[in-house]
Amino acid sequence: METHIVTFTINNDFSEWSKNFDNSLELQKQSGINTLYRGVSTEDKSKCVAIMQASSGVLEDFVKNNEKMISESGHVVESTIIETYVT
C-alpha cells in the first residue's frame, strides 16, 4: 500500500471543488483508493492537497482514466504533484 500526497491548484473556490471531489469518493473507493484527507492552503486559496492510499499504480491509472472529470471539478491537472510514500 502506498500513501500519496497530491498537491495542485484549482481554478474555482474550494467549496465548489470539494463538492465535486466528494461526489467522486464512491468511484475512488471502487477503484481501490482510500482518501484520508483533503484541504486548502490557509495562505493561497487556490492551492489544495489530498492524501490518499492505494496500491501501486492505482492512483495514476485513476487520474489517467478520469482526467476530464478531474479537470471539470476545477482541478488544474497540469499543476498536480504526486509524492508517494511507503512504510
N, C-alpha and C. Protein backbone atom coordinates (compact mmCIF):
# COMPACT_ATOMS: atom_id res chain seq x y z
N MET A 1 0.84 -1.18 0.00
CA MET A 1 0.00 0.00 0.00
C MET A 1 0.89 1.24 0.00
N GLU A 2 0.53 2.19 -0.84
CA GLU A 2 1.27 3.45 -0.92
C GLU A 2 0.40 4.59 -0.40
N THR A 3 1.05 5.57 0.20
CA THR A 3 0.37 6.79 0.61
C THR A 3 0.82 7.89 -0.33
N HIS A 4 -0.14 8.59 -0.90
CA HIS A 4 0.12 9.64 -1.89
C HIS A 4 -0.27 10.99 -1.31
N ILE A 5 0.64 11.94 -1.39
CA ILE A 5 0.33 13.33 -1.06
C ILE A 5 0.26 14.06 -2.39
N VAL A 6 -0.94 14.53 -2.72
CA VAL A 6 -1.20 15.15 -4.02
C VAL A 6 -1.45 16.63 -3.80
N THR A 7 -0.61 17.47 -4.38
CA THR A 7 -0.82 18.92 -4.31
C THR A 7 -1.13 19.43 -5.71
N PHE A 8 -1.96 20.47 -5.75
CA PHE A 8 -2.42 21.00 -7.04
C PHE A 8 -3.13 22.33 -6.81
N THR A 9 -3.39 23.03 -7.90
CA THR A 9 -4.16 24.26 -7.82
C THR A 9 -5.55 24.01 -8.39
N ILE A 10 -6.47 24.90 -7.99
CA ILE A 10 -7.83 24.85 -8.51
C ILE A 10 -8.15 26.20 -9.15
N ASN A 11 -9.09 26.18 -10.10
CA ASN A 11 -9.49 27.41 -10.77
C ASN A 11 -10.90 27.86 -10.38
N ASN A 12 -11.40 27.32 -9.28
CA ASN A 12 -12.68 27.74 -8.72
C ASN A 12 -12.49 27.84 -7.21
N ASP A 13 -13.56 28.01 -6.44
CA ASP A 13 -13.35 28.08 -4.99
C ASP A 13 -13.37 26.68 -4.38
N PHE A 14 -12.79 26.58 -3.19
CA PHE A 14 -12.61 25.28 -2.56
C PHE A 14 -13.94 24.58 -2.30
N SER A 15 -14.96 25.32 -1.92
CA SER A 15 -16.25 24.67 -1.64
C SER A 15 -16.82 24.01 -2.89
N GLU A 16 -16.65 24.65 -4.04
CA GLU A 16 -17.13 24.05 -5.29
C GLU A 16 -16.27 22.84 -5.66
N TRP A 17 -14.94 22.99 -5.56
CA TRP A 17 -14.07 21.87 -5.89
C TRP A 17 -14.33 20.69 -4.96
N SER A 18 -14.42 20.95 -3.65
CA SER A 18 -14.58 19.85 -2.69
C SER A 18 -15.92 19.13 -2.88
N LYS A 19 -16.95 19.86 -3.28
CA LYS A 19 -18.24 19.21 -3.58
C LYS A 19 -18.07 18.22 -4.73
N ASN A 20 -17.38 18.66 -5.79
CA ASN A 20 -17.12 17.76 -6.92
C ASN A 20 -16.26 16.58 -6.50
N PHE A 21 -15.22 16.85 -5.71
CA PHE A 21 -14.33 15.79 -5.23
C PHE A 21 -15.12 14.77 -4.41
N ASP A 22 -15.93 15.26 -3.49
CA ASP A 22 -16.71 14.35 -2.64
C ASP A 22 -17.68 13.52 -3.45
N ASN A 23 -18.19 14.06 -4.54
CA ASN A 23 -19.09 13.30 -5.41
C ASN A 23 -18.37 12.14 -6.10
N SER A 24 -17.04 12.19 -6.14
CA SER A 24 -16.28 11.10 -6.78
C SER A 24 -15.74 10.09 -5.77
N LEU A 25 -16.04 10.26 -4.49
CA LEU A 25 -15.47 9.37 -3.47
C LEU A 25 -15.86 7.91 -3.68
N GLU A 26 -17.08 7.66 -4.09
CA GLU A 26 -17.51 6.28 -4.31
C GLU A 26 -16.74 5.66 -5.48
N LEU A 27 -16.55 6.43 -6.54
CA LEU A 27 -15.76 5.95 -7.68
C LEU A 27 -14.31 5.70 -7.27
N GLN A 28 -13.77 6.59 -6.44
CA GLN A 28 -12.41 6.39 -5.93
C GLN A 28 -12.34 5.08 -5.15
N LYS A 29 -13.30 4.88 -4.27
CA LYS A 29 -13.32 3.67 -3.45
C LYS A 29 -13.42 2.41 -4.32
N GLN A 30 -14.30 2.45 -5.31
CA GLN A 30 -14.45 1.31 -6.23
C GLN A 30 -13.15 1.03 -6.99
N SER A 31 -12.36 2.07 -7.19
CA SER A 31 -11.09 1.93 -7.91
C SER A 31 -9.95 1.49 -7.01
N GLY A 32 -10.21 1.41 -5.69
CA GLY A 32 -9.18 0.97 -4.75
C GLY A 32 -8.43 2.10 -4.08
N ILE A 33 -9.01 3.31 -4.09
CA ILE A 33 -8.38 4.48 -3.47
C ILE A 33 -9.12 4.83 -2.19
N ASN A 34 -8.35 5.01 -1.12
CA ASN A 34 -8.90 5.43 0.16
C ASN A 34 -8.42 6.86 0.42
N THR A 35 -9.33 7.81 0.41
CA THR A 35 -8.98 9.21 0.65
C THR A 35 -8.98 9.46 2.15
N LEU A 36 -7.84 9.94 2.65
CA LEU A 36 -7.68 10.19 4.08
C LEU A 36 -7.96 11.65 4.45
N TYR A 37 -7.66 12.57 3.52
CA TYR A 37 -7.77 13.99 3.84
C TYR A 37 -7.77 14.79 2.55
N ARG A 38 -8.45 15.91 2.57
CA ARG A 38 -8.38 16.91 1.51
C ARG A 38 -8.53 18.27 2.17
N GLY A 39 -7.75 19.24 1.69
CA GLY A 39 -7.81 20.55 2.30
C GLY A 39 -7.26 21.63 1.38
N VAL A 40 -7.38 22.87 1.85
CA VAL A 40 -6.94 24.04 1.08
C VAL A 40 -5.97 24.84 1.93
N SER A 41 -5.01 25.46 1.29
CA SER A 41 -4.00 26.27 1.97
C SER A 41 -4.65 27.47 2.67
N THR A 42 -4.14 27.80 3.83
CA THR A 42 -4.62 29.00 4.53
C THR A 42 -4.06 30.27 3.90
N GLU A 43 -2.96 30.12 3.18
CA GLU A 43 -2.29 31.29 2.60
C GLU A 43 -2.66 31.54 1.14
N ASP A 44 -3.03 30.50 0.42
CA ASP A 44 -3.36 30.62 -1.00
C ASP A 44 -4.55 29.71 -1.29
N LYS A 45 -5.72 30.30 -1.42
CA LYS A 45 -6.97 29.53 -1.57
C LYS A 45 -7.07 28.76 -2.88
N SER A 46 -6.07 28.91 -3.76
CA SER A 46 -6.07 28.11 -4.99
C SER A 46 -5.20 26.87 -4.86
N LYS A 47 -4.50 26.70 -3.72
CA LYS A 47 -3.62 25.55 -3.52
C LYS A 47 -4.32 24.52 -2.62
N CYS A 48 -4.37 23.28 -3.11
CA CYS A 48 -5.04 22.21 -2.38
C CYS A 48 -4.13 21.01 -2.20
N VAL A 49 -4.54 20.15 -1.27
CA VAL A 49 -3.83 18.90 -1.03
C VAL A 49 -4.86 17.80 -0.79
N ALA A 50 -4.51 16.61 -1.25
CA ALA A 50 -5.29 15.41 -0.94
C ALA A 50 -4.30 14.32 -0.54
N ILE A 51 -4.65 13.58 0.50
CA ILE A 51 -3.82 12.47 0.95
C ILE A 51 -4.63 11.20 0.76
N MET A 52 -4.06 10.27 0.00
CA MET A 52 -4.78 9.07 -0.38
C MET A 52 -3.90 7.85 -0.24
N GLN A 53 -4.54 6.71 -0.07
CA GLN A 53 -3.81 5.45 -0.05
C GLN A 53 -4.37 4.54 -1.13
N ALA A 54 -3.45 3.84 -1.80
CA ALA A 54 -3.84 2.89 -2.85
C ALA A 54 -2.66 1.99 -3.15
N SER A 55 -2.94 0.88 -3.79
CA SER A 55 -1.87 0.00 -4.26
C SER A 55 -1.10 0.69 -5.38
N SER A 56 0.09 0.22 -5.62
CA SER A 56 0.97 0.80 -6.64
C SER A 56 0.26 0.89 -7.99
N GLY A 57 0.29 2.07 -8.61
CA GLY A 57 -0.27 2.28 -9.93
C GLY A 57 -1.74 2.64 -9.97
N VAL A 58 -2.47 2.41 -8.89
CA VAL A 58 -3.92 2.61 -8.89
C VAL A 58 -4.27 4.10 -9.02
N LEU A 59 -3.63 4.96 -8.25
CA LEU A 59 -3.94 6.39 -8.32
C LEU A 59 -3.60 6.95 -9.69
N GLU A 60 -2.46 6.59 -10.22
CA GLU A 60 -2.05 7.07 -11.53
C GLU A 60 -3.04 6.65 -12.61
N ASP A 61 -3.50 5.39 -12.56
CA ASP A 61 -4.49 4.91 -13.52
C ASP A 61 -5.81 5.67 -13.37
N PHE A 62 -6.21 5.92 -12.13
CA PHE A 62 -7.46 6.65 -11.89
C PHE A 62 -7.39 8.05 -12.51
N VAL A 63 -6.28 8.75 -12.28
CA VAL A 63 -6.12 10.10 -12.83
C VAL A 63 -6.15 10.05 -14.36
N LYS A 64 -5.43 9.12 -14.93
CA LYS A 64 -5.37 8.98 -16.40
C LYS A 64 -6.75 8.70 -16.98
N ASN A 65 -7.49 7.80 -16.35
CA ASN A 65 -8.79 7.39 -16.87
C ASN A 65 -9.92 8.37 -16.58
N ASN A 66 -9.70 9.31 -15.67
CA ASN A 66 -10.75 10.25 -15.26
C ASN A 66 -10.30 11.70 -15.38
N GLU A 67 -9.36 11.96 -16.28
CA GLU A 67 -8.80 13.31 -16.40
C GLU A 67 -9.86 14.37 -16.71
N LYS A 68 -10.82 14.04 -17.55
CA LYS A 68 -11.87 15.01 -17.90
C LYS A 68 -12.69 15.38 -16.66
N MET A 69 -13.13 14.39 -15.89
CA MET A 69 -13.91 14.63 -14.68
C MET A 69 -13.10 15.45 -13.68
N ILE A 70 -11.83 15.10 -13.53
CA ILE A 70 -10.96 15.81 -12.59
C ILE A 70 -10.81 17.26 -13.01
N SER A 71 -10.58 17.49 -14.27
CA SER A 71 -10.43 18.85 -14.79
C SER A 71 -11.72 19.66 -14.62
N GLU A 72 -12.84 19.04 -14.89
CA GLU A 72 -14.13 19.73 -14.78
C GLU A 72 -14.47 20.08 -13.34
N SER A 73 -13.82 19.44 -12.37
CA SER A 73 -14.07 19.75 -10.96
C SER A 73 -13.44 21.08 -10.55
N GLY A 74 -12.53 21.60 -11.41
CA GLY A 74 -11.79 22.81 -11.07
C GLY A 74 -10.33 22.55 -10.79
N HIS A 75 -9.95 21.28 -10.75
CA HIS A 75 -8.57 20.86 -10.51
C HIS A 75 -7.75 21.15 -11.77
N VAL A 76 -6.69 21.92 -11.63
CA VAL A 76 -5.80 22.20 -12.76
C VAL A 76 -4.83 21.02 -12.88
N VAL A 77 -5.14 20.10 -13.77
CA VAL A 77 -4.42 18.82 -13.86
C VAL A 77 -2.92 19.04 -14.06
N GLU A 78 -2.56 20.03 -14.87
CA GLU A 78 -1.14 20.27 -15.17
C GLU A 78 -0.35 20.72 -13.93
N SER A 79 -1.02 21.17 -12.90
CA SER A 79 -0.34 21.64 -11.68
C SER A 79 -0.08 20.52 -10.68
N THR A 80 -0.56 19.33 -10.96
CA THR A 80 -0.53 18.23 -9.99
C THR A 80 0.89 17.73 -9.73
N ILE A 81 1.21 17.62 -8.43
CA ILE A 81 2.44 16.98 -7.98
C ILE A 81 2.04 15.87 -7.03
N ILE A 82 2.50 14.65 -7.34
CA ILE A 82 2.18 13.49 -6.50
C ILE A 82 3.48 12.99 -5.86
N GLU A 83 3.48 12.99 -4.53
CA GLU A 83 4.60 12.40 -3.77
C GLU A 83 4.08 11.08 -3.20
N THR A 84 4.89 10.03 -3.30
CA THR A 84 4.45 8.71 -2.87
C THR A 84 5.37 8.21 -1.75
N TYR A 85 4.74 7.65 -0.72
CA TYR A 85 5.45 7.15 0.46
C TYR A 85 4.99 5.73 0.76
N VAL A 86 5.91 4.93 1.30
CA VAL A 86 5.59 3.57 1.74
C VAL A 86 6.15 3.37 3.15
N THR A 87 5.61 2.36 3.83
CA THR A 87 6.14 2.03 5.17
C THR A 87 6.85 0.71 5.12
